[in-house]
Amino acid sequence: MLESDAAVTRLATVPSARLTLLVLASGVAVRLAWLALGLAKLRRYRRTARRLEPLPWDIQGIMARLDIVPEFCLSEEIHGPVTFGLRRSVILLPPNFTELDVGLQQAIAGHELLHVFRRDWILNLGEEIILAGLWFHPVVW
């Protein structure tokens, strides 16, 4: 018997339930690894970003009304606003944010501050973990 024939025979004798579990577990591992890579990328963005100082008064007013104090930073690595963080929320903004019209700055900052206020990051992270566990199910997608 050839070596490849032996491999096919071994594969054929593996119970289908065991093979199914192996495929499902592999999919979960891949999704969790993908999530971990994304979290590492966000950490890198946070470390390389520079703090937005001084923070415009209008934005400070919105923060006071919502009673939240996230960190605002400018990052060369992003093209649009990004909000994340469980304990210390960070709002990353593209470098051209300071060149925008004040009204547009307020709208963008207000939108991102509402994400912090509602703790959307926790929900998004929870959704990603559920998606990792149920990656195979079409309804989840």
N, C-alpha and C. Protein backbone atom coordinates (compact mmCIF):
# COMPACT_ATOMS: atom_id res chain seq x y z
N MET A 1 0.85 -1.17 0.00
CA MET A 1 0.00 0.00 0.00
C MET A 1 0.90 1.24 0.00
N LEU A 2 0.56 2.20 -0.82
CA LEU A 2 1.32 3.45 -0.89
C LEU A 2 1.03 4.31 0.33
N GLU A 3 1.94 5.24 0.60
CA GLU A 3 1.77 6.12 1.76
C GLU A 3 0.52 6.98 1.63
N SER A 4 0.23 7.48 0.43
CA SER A 4 -0.97 8.31 0.23
C SER A 4 -2.24 7.49 0.42
N ASP A 5 -2.22 6.23 0.03
CA ASP A 5 -3.38 5.37 0.25
C ASP A 5 -3.63 5.16 1.73
N ALA A 6 -2.56 5.04 2.50
CA ALA A 6 -2.69 4.86 3.95
C ALA A 6 -3.29 6.10 4.59
N ALA A 7 -2.90 7.29 4.10
CA ALA A 7 -3.44 8.54 4.65
C ALA A 7 -4.92 8.64 4.35
N VAL A 8 -5.33 8.26 3.15
CA VAL A 8 -6.75 8.29 2.79
C VAL A 8 -7.53 7.31 3.64
N THR A 9 -6.96 6.14 3.89
CA THR A 9 -7.63 5.14 4.71
C THR A 9 -7.80 5.65 6.14
N ARG A 10 -6.74 6.29 6.69
CA ARG A 10 -6.84 6.84 8.05
C ARG A 10 -7.91 7.93 8.11
N LEU A 11 -7.95 8.79 7.09
CA LEU A 11 -8.94 9.87 7.06
C LEU A 11 -10.35 9.29 6.99
N ALA A 12 -10.51 8.23 6.22
CA ALA A 12 -11.82 7.62 6.06
C ALA A 12 -12.29 6.98 7.37
N THR A 13 -11.34 6.57 8.21
CA THR A 13 -11.74 5.91 9.46
C THR A 13 -11.99 6.90 10.59
N VAL A 14 -11.64 8.18 10.39
CA VAL A 14 -11.91 9.19 11.41
C VAL A 14 -13.42 9.41 11.46
N PRO A 15 -14.01 9.29 12.63
CA PRO A 15 -15.46 9.47 12.72
C PRO A 15 -15.86 10.88 12.25
N SER A 16 -16.99 10.96 11.58
CA SER A 16 -17.42 12.25 11.02
C SER A 16 -17.68 13.28 12.12
N ALA A 17 -18.15 12.87 13.27
CA ALA A 17 -18.39 13.81 14.37
C ALA A 17 -17.07 14.42 14.84
N ARG A 18 -16.04 13.61 14.90
CA ARG A 18 -14.73 14.11 15.32
C ARG A 18 -14.17 15.08 14.29
N LEU A 19 -14.33 14.75 13.03
CA LEU A 19 -13.86 15.62 11.96
C LEU A 19 -14.63 16.94 11.96
N THR A 20 -15.92 16.87 12.20
CA THR A 20 -16.76 18.08 12.27
C THR A 20 -16.30 18.97 13.41
N LEU A 21 -16.05 18.37 14.57
CA LEU A 21 -15.56 19.15 15.71
C LEU A 21 -14.21 19.78 15.42
N LEU A 22 -13.36 19.06 14.73
CA LEU A 22 -12.05 19.60 14.38
C LEU A 22 -12.18 20.81 13.45
N VAL A 23 -13.06 20.73 12.48
CA VAL A 23 -13.29 21.85 11.56
C VAL A 23 -13.88 23.04 12.31
N LEU A 24 -14.87 22.80 13.16
CA LEU A 24 -15.50 23.87 13.93
C LEU A 24 -14.49 24.54 14.86
N ALA A 25 -13.70 23.74 15.57
CA ALA A 25 -12.71 24.30 16.49
C ALA A 25 -11.64 25.09 15.72
N SER A 26 -11.26 24.60 14.56
CA SER A 26 -10.28 25.32 13.75
C SER A 26 -10.83 26.67 13.31
N GLY A 27 -12.09 26.71 12.93
CA GLY A 27 -12.72 27.97 12.54
C GLY A 27 -12.78 28.96 13.70
N VAL A 28 -13.10 28.47 14.88
CA VAL A 28 -13.14 29.34 16.06
C VAL A 28 -11.74 29.89 16.33
N ALA A 29 -10.74 29.02 16.25
CA ALA A 29 -9.36 29.45 16.50
C ALA A 29 -8.92 30.51 15.50
N VAL A 30 -9.28 30.32 14.24
CA VAL A 30 -8.91 31.31 13.22
C VAL A 30 -9.59 32.64 13.49
N ARG A 31 -10.88 32.62 13.81
CA ARG A 31 -11.61 33.87 14.09
C ARG A 31 -11.05 34.57 15.33
N LEU A 32 -10.72 33.82 16.38
CA LEU A 32 -10.16 34.44 17.57
C LEU A 32 -8.76 35.00 17.29
N ALA A 33 -7.99 34.32 16.47
CA ALA A 33 -6.66 34.83 16.09
C ALA A 33 -6.82 36.12 15.29
N TRP A 34 -7.80 36.15 14.40
CA TRP A 34 -8.08 37.36 13.61
C TRP A 34 -8.45 38.52 14.53
N LEU A 35 -9.28 38.25 15.53
CA LEU A 35 -9.67 39.26 16.50
C LEU A 35 -8.46 39.75 17.30
N ALA A 36 -7.61 38.82 17.71
CA ALA A 36 -6.41 39.20 18.46
C ALA A 36 -5.49 40.08 17.62
N LEU A 37 -5.35 39.77 16.35
CA LEU A 37 -4.53 40.60 15.46
C LEU A 37 -5.12 42.00 15.34
N GLY A 38 -6.44 42.08 15.25
CA GLY A 38 -7.10 43.39 15.18
C GLY A 38 -6.89 44.20 16.45
N LEU A 39 -6.97 43.54 17.59
CA LEU A 39 -6.74 44.23 18.86
C LEU A 39 -5.29 44.71 18.97
N ALA A 40 -4.36 43.90 18.48
CA ALA A 40 -2.95 44.31 18.49
C ALA A 40 -2.73 45.53 17.58
N LYS A 41 -3.42 45.53 16.46
CA LYS A 41 -3.31 46.68 15.55
C LYS A 41 -3.86 47.95 16.21
N LEU A 42 -4.98 47.83 16.91
CA LEU A 42 -5.54 48.99 17.63
C LEU A 42 -4.57 49.48 18.71
N ARG A 43 -3.93 48.56 19.40
CA ARG A 43 -2.95 48.95 20.42
C ARG A 43 -1.79 49.72 19.78
N ARG A 44 -1.34 49.23 18.61
CA ARG A 44 -0.27 49.94 17.91
C ARG A 44 -0.71 51.33 17.48
N TYR A 45 -1.93 51.46 16.98
CA TYR A 45 -2.45 52.77 16.61
C TYR A 45 -2.44 53.71 17.80
N ARG A 46 -2.86 53.19 18.94
CA ARG A 46 -2.94 54.02 20.15
C ARG A 46 -1.55 54.47 20.58
N ARG A 47 -0.57 53.57 20.51
CA ARG A 47 0.79 53.92 20.94
C ARG A 47 1.46 54.92 20.02
N THR A 48 1.18 54.84 18.72
CA THR A 48 1.86 55.72 17.77
C THR A 48 1.12 57.04 17.55
N ALA A 49 -0.09 57.15 18.06
CA ALA A 49 -0.87 58.37 17.86
C ALA A 49 -0.37 59.47 18.80
N ARG A 50 -0.62 60.71 18.38
CA ARG A 50 -0.27 61.84 19.25
C ARG A 50 -1.56 62.47 19.77
N ARG A 51 -1.49 62.89 21.00
CA ARG A 51 -2.65 63.46 21.68
C ARG A 51 -3.10 64.76 20.99
N LEU A 52 -4.40 64.95 20.88
CA LEU A 52 -4.96 66.17 20.32
C LEU A 52 -5.00 67.21 21.44
N GLU A 53 -4.08 68.14 21.36
CA GLU A 53 -3.99 69.20 22.37
C GLU A 53 -3.73 70.53 21.69
N PRO A 54 -4.37 71.56 22.07
CA PRO A 54 -5.46 71.59 23.06
C PRO A 54 -6.75 71.06 22.42
N LEU A 55 -7.55 70.46 23.23
CA LEU A 55 -8.84 69.94 22.78
C LEU A 55 -9.79 71.12 22.61
N PRO A 56 -10.43 71.25 21.44
CA PRO A 56 -11.34 72.38 21.22
C PRO A 56 -12.41 72.47 22.32
N TRP A 57 -12.74 73.71 22.69
CA TRP A 57 -13.72 73.97 23.75
C TRP A 57 -15.07 73.34 23.46
N ASP A 58 -15.47 73.38 22.20
CA ASP A 58 -16.77 72.80 21.84
C ASP A 58 -16.82 71.31 22.17
N ILE A 59 -15.73 70.62 21.89
CA ILE A 59 -15.67 69.19 22.17
C ILE A 59 -15.63 68.95 23.67
N GLN A 60 -14.92 69.80 24.40
CA GLN A 60 -14.90 69.68 25.86
C GLN A 60 -16.30 69.86 26.44
N GLY A 61 -17.08 70.75 25.82
CA GLY A 61 -18.45 70.97 26.28
C GLY A 61 -19.32 69.73 26.08
N ILE A 62 -19.17 69.07 24.94
CA ILE A 62 -19.93 67.84 24.69
C ILE A 62 -19.54 66.77 25.70
N MET A 63 -18.25 66.66 25.96
CA MET A 63 -17.76 65.68 26.93
C MET A 63 -18.34 65.95 28.32
N ALA A 64 -18.40 67.23 28.70
CA ALA A 64 -18.95 67.59 30.00
C ALA A 64 -20.42 67.22 30.10
N ARG A 65 -21.17 67.48 29.02
CA ARG A 65 -22.60 67.14 29.04
C ARG A 65 -22.83 65.65 29.15
N LEU A 66 -21.97 64.86 28.51
CA LEU A 66 -22.12 63.40 28.56
C LEU A 66 -21.42 62.79 29.77
N ASP A 67 -20.63 63.59 30.49
CA ASP A 67 -19.89 63.16 31.66
C ASP A 67 -18.95 61.99 31.34
N ILE A 68 -18.17 62.15 30.27
CA ILE A 68 -17.16 61.16 29.88
C ILE A 68 -15.87 61.89 29.53
N VAL A 69 -14.76 61.19 29.68
CA VAL A 69 -13.46 61.81 29.41
C VAL A 69 -12.58 60.84 28.62
N PRO A 70 -12.89 60.62 27.35
CA PRO A 70 -12.00 59.78 26.55
C PRO A 70 -10.77 60.57 26.13
N GLU A 71 -9.79 59.86 25.65
CA GLU A 71 -8.58 60.49 25.13
C GLU A 71 -8.75 60.71 23.63
N PHE A 72 -8.49 61.91 23.15
CA PHE A 72 -8.54 62.22 21.73
C PHE A 72 -7.12 62.22 21.19
N CYS A 73 -6.89 61.47 20.11
CA CYS A 73 -5.56 61.40 19.50
C CYS A 73 -5.67 61.51 17.99
N LEU A 74 -4.59 61.97 17.38
CA LEU A 74 -4.48 62.02 15.93
C LEU A 74 -3.53 60.90 15.49
N SER A 75 -3.94 60.16 14.48
CA SER A 75 -3.13 59.04 14.01
C SER A 75 -2.94 59.14 12.50
N GLU A 76 -1.70 58.97 12.09
CA GLU A 76 -1.36 58.96 10.66
C GLU A 76 -1.81 57.67 9.99
N GLU A 77 -2.13 56.65 10.78
CA GLU A 77 -2.40 55.32 10.23
C GLU A 77 -3.87 55.07 9.90
N ILE A 78 -4.74 56.02 10.18
CA ILE A 78 -6.16 55.80 9.92
C ILE A 78 -6.68 56.85 8.95
N HIS A 79 -7.80 56.54 8.32
CA HIS A 79 -8.40 57.45 7.35
C HIS A 79 -9.73 58.01 7.83
N GLY A 80 -10.27 57.43 8.89
CA GLY A 80 -11.54 57.88 9.46
C GLY A 80 -11.51 57.67 10.96
N PRO A 81 -12.46 58.23 11.69
CA PRO A 81 -12.48 58.11 13.15
C PRO A 81 -12.59 56.66 13.61
N VAL A 82 -11.91 56.36 14.70
CA VAL A 82 -11.95 55.03 15.31
C VAL A 82 -12.08 55.23 16.82
N THR A 83 -13.05 54.56 17.41
CA THR A 83 -13.27 54.64 18.85
C THR A 83 -13.16 53.25 19.45
N PHE A 84 -12.38 53.12 20.52
CA PHE A 84 -12.24 51.83 21.16
C PHE A 84 -11.76 52.01 22.59
N GLY A 85 -11.81 50.92 23.35
CA GLY A 85 -11.33 50.92 24.72
C GLY A 85 -12.43 50.62 25.72
N LEU A 86 -12.12 49.74 26.67
CA LEU A 86 -13.09 49.38 27.68
C LEU A 86 -13.00 50.29 28.90
N ARG A 87 -11.81 50.39 29.48
CA ARG A 87 -11.65 51.24 30.66
C ARG A 87 -11.24 52.66 30.28
N ARG A 88 -10.27 52.77 29.41
CA ARG A 88 -9.79 54.08 28.96
C ARG A 88 -10.12 54.22 27.48
N SER A 89 -11.22 54.82 27.20
CA SER A 89 -11.65 54.97 25.81
C SER A 89 -10.75 55.95 25.07
N VAL A 90 -10.52 55.63 23.82
CA VAL A 90 -9.69 56.47 22.95
C VAL A 90 -10.47 56.74 21.68
N ILE A 91 -10.41 57.97 21.23
CA ILE A 91 -10.98 58.34 19.94
C ILE A 91 -9.81 58.76 19.06
N LEU A 92 -9.54 57.94 18.05
CA LEU A 92 -8.48 58.26 17.11
C LEU A 92 -9.09 59.01 15.93
N LEU A 93 -8.43 60.05 15.55
CA LEU A 93 -8.90 60.87 14.44
C LEU A 93 -7.79 60.99 13.41
N PRO A 94 -8.15 61.12 12.13
CA PRO A 94 -7.11 61.30 11.12
C PRO A 94 -6.42 62.66 11.30
N PRO A 95 -5.21 62.80 10.80
CA PRO A 95 -4.45 64.03 11.03
C PRO A 95 -5.10 65.29 10.47
N ASN A 96 -5.94 65.16 9.46
CA ASN A 96 -6.57 66.35 8.87
C ASN A 96 -7.78 66.82 9.67
N PHE A 97 -8.09 66.19 10.78
CA PHE A 97 -9.25 66.56 11.60
C PHE A 97 -9.16 68.03 12.01
N THR A 98 -8.00 68.49 12.39
CA THR A 98 -7.84 69.87 12.87
C THR A 98 -8.04 70.90 11.76
N GLU A 99 -7.98 70.48 10.51
CA GLU A 99 -8.16 71.38 9.37
C GLU A 99 -9.63 71.49 8.95
N LEU A 100 -10.48 70.64 9.50
CA LEU A 100 -11.89 70.63 9.12
C LEU A 100 -12.62 71.82 9.71
N ASP A 101 -13.77 72.13 9.12
CA ASP A 101 -14.66 73.17 9.63
C ASP A 101 -15.07 72.82 11.06
N VAL A 102 -15.20 73.82 11.91
CA VAL A 102 -15.54 73.60 13.32
C VAL A 102 -16.84 72.81 13.47
N GLY A 103 -17.84 73.10 12.65
CA GLY A 103 -19.11 72.37 12.73
C GLY A 103 -18.92 70.90 12.40
N LEU A 104 -18.09 70.61 11.42
CA LEU A 104 -17.82 69.21 11.07
C LEU A 104 -17.02 68.52 12.17
N GLN A 105 -16.09 69.23 12.78
CA GLN A 105 -15.34 68.68 13.91
C GLN A 105 -16.30 68.31 15.05
N GLN A 106 -17.25 69.21 15.34
CA GLN A 106 -18.21 68.94 16.41
C GLN A 106 -19.07 67.72 16.09
N ALA A 107 -19.50 67.62 14.85
CA ALA A 107 -20.35 66.49 14.44
C ALA A 107 -19.60 65.17 14.58
N ILE A 108 -18.37 65.14 14.10
CA ILE A 108 -17.57 63.91 14.17
C ILE A 108 -17.28 63.55 15.63
N ALA A 109 -16.81 64.54 16.39
CA ALA A 109 -16.49 64.29 17.80
C ALA A 109 -17.74 63.87 18.57
N GLY A 110 -18.86 64.54 18.32
CA GLY A 110 -20.11 64.19 19.01
C GLY A 110 -20.53 62.77 18.72
N HIS A 111 -20.42 62.38 17.45
CA HIS A 111 -20.77 61.01 17.06
C HIS A 111 -19.90 60.00 17.79
N GLU A 112 -18.60 60.24 17.80
CA GLU A 112 -17.68 59.31 18.46
C GLU A 112 -17.88 59.31 19.97
N LEU A 113 -18.17 60.48 20.54
CA LEU A 113 -18.42 60.55 21.98
C LEU A 113 -19.67 59.77 22.37
N LEU A 114 -20.67 59.75 21.50
CA LEU A 114 -21.86 58.94 21.78
C LEU A 114 -21.53 57.46 21.80
N HIS A 115 -20.60 57.03 20.93
CA HIS A 115 -20.15 55.63 20.98
C HIS A 115 -19.53 55.32 22.33
N VAL A 116 -18.72 56.24 22.85
CA VAL A 116 -18.10 56.05 24.16
C VAL A 116 -19.17 56.04 25.24
N PHE A 117 -20.08 56.99 25.19
CA PHE A 117 -21.14 57.11 26.19
C PHE A 117 -21.99 55.84 26.26
N ARG A 118 -22.33 55.27 25.09
CA ARG A 118 -23.18 54.08 25.05
C ARG A 118 -22.40 52.79 25.26
N ARG A 119 -21.08 52.91 25.37
CA ARG A 119 -20.19 51.75 25.54
C ARG A 119 -20.34 50.75 24.39
N ASP A 120 -20.41 51.28 23.20
CA ASP A 120 -20.55 50.45 22.00
C ASP A 120 -19.39 49.48 21.83
N TRP A 121 -18.22 49.85 22.32
CA TRP A 121 -17.05 49.00 22.16
C TRP A 121 -17.28 47.64 22.82
N ILE A 122 -17.91 47.62 23.98
CA ILE A 122 -18.19 46.36 24.69
C ILE A 122 -19.12 45.49 23.85
N LEU A 123 -20.15 46.12 23.28
CA LEU A 123 -21.08 45.37 22.43
C LEU A 123 -20.38 44.83 21.19
N ASN A 124 -19.56 45.65 20.56
CA ASN A 124 -18.85 45.20 19.36
C ASN A 124 -17.91 44.04 19.66
N LEU A 125 -17.20 44.14 20.77
CA LEU A 125 -16.29 43.06 21.15
C LEU A 125 -17.09 41.79 21.45
N GLY A 126 -18.21 41.93 22.15
CA GLY A 126 -19.07 40.78 22.42
C GLY A 126 -19.59 40.14 21.14
N GLU A 127 -20.00 40.98 20.19
CA GLU A 127 -20.47 40.45 18.91
C GLU A 127 -19.38 39.68 18.19
N GLU A 128 -18.16 40.20 18.23
CA GLU A 128 -17.04 39.52 17.57
C GLU A 128 -16.75 38.17 18.22
N ILE A 129 -16.87 38.10 19.53
CA ILE A 129 -16.62 36.82 20.23
C ILE A 129 -17.72 35.82 19.88
N ILE A 130 -18.97 36.27 19.84
CA ILE A 130 -20.07 35.39 19.43
C ILE A 130 -19.87 34.95 17.99
N LEU A 131 -19.48 35.86 17.13
CA LEU A 131 -19.22 35.52 15.73
C LEU A 131 -18.11 34.49 15.61
N ALA A 132 -17.09 34.60 16.46
CA ALA A 132 -16.01 33.61 16.45
C ALA A 132 -16.54 32.23 16.81
N GLY A 133 -17.41 32.17 17.80
CA GLY A 133 -17.95 30.88 18.22
C GLY A 133 -18.94 30.28 17.24
N LEU A 134 -19.66 31.14 16.53
CA LEU A 134 -20.69 30.66 15.60
C LEU A 134 -20.37 31.04 14.15
N TRP A 135 -19.09 31.04 13.81
CA TRP A 135 -18.63 31.48 12.49
C TRP A 135 -19.26 30.70 11.35
N PHE A 136 -19.67 29.50 11.59
CA PHE A 136 -20.18 28.60 10.56
C PHE A 136 -21.66 28.83 10.24
N HIS A 137 -22.35 29.57 11.06
CA HIS A 137 -23.81 29.68 10.92
C HIS A 137 -24.17 30.89 10.05
N PRO A 138 -24.92 30.66 8.96
CA PRO A 138 -25.25 31.77 8.04
C PRO A 138 -26.08 32.88 8.66
N VAL A 139 -26.91 32.54 9.64
CA VAL A 139 -27.75 33.57 10.26
C VAL A 139 -26.89 34.55 11.06
N VAL A 140 -25.83 34.07 11.66
CA VAL A 140 -24.93 34.92 12.44
C VAL A 140 -24.26 35.94 11.51
N TRP A 141 -23.92 35.53 10.32
CA TRP A 141 -23.28 36.45 9.38
C TRP A 141 -24.27 37.47 8.91
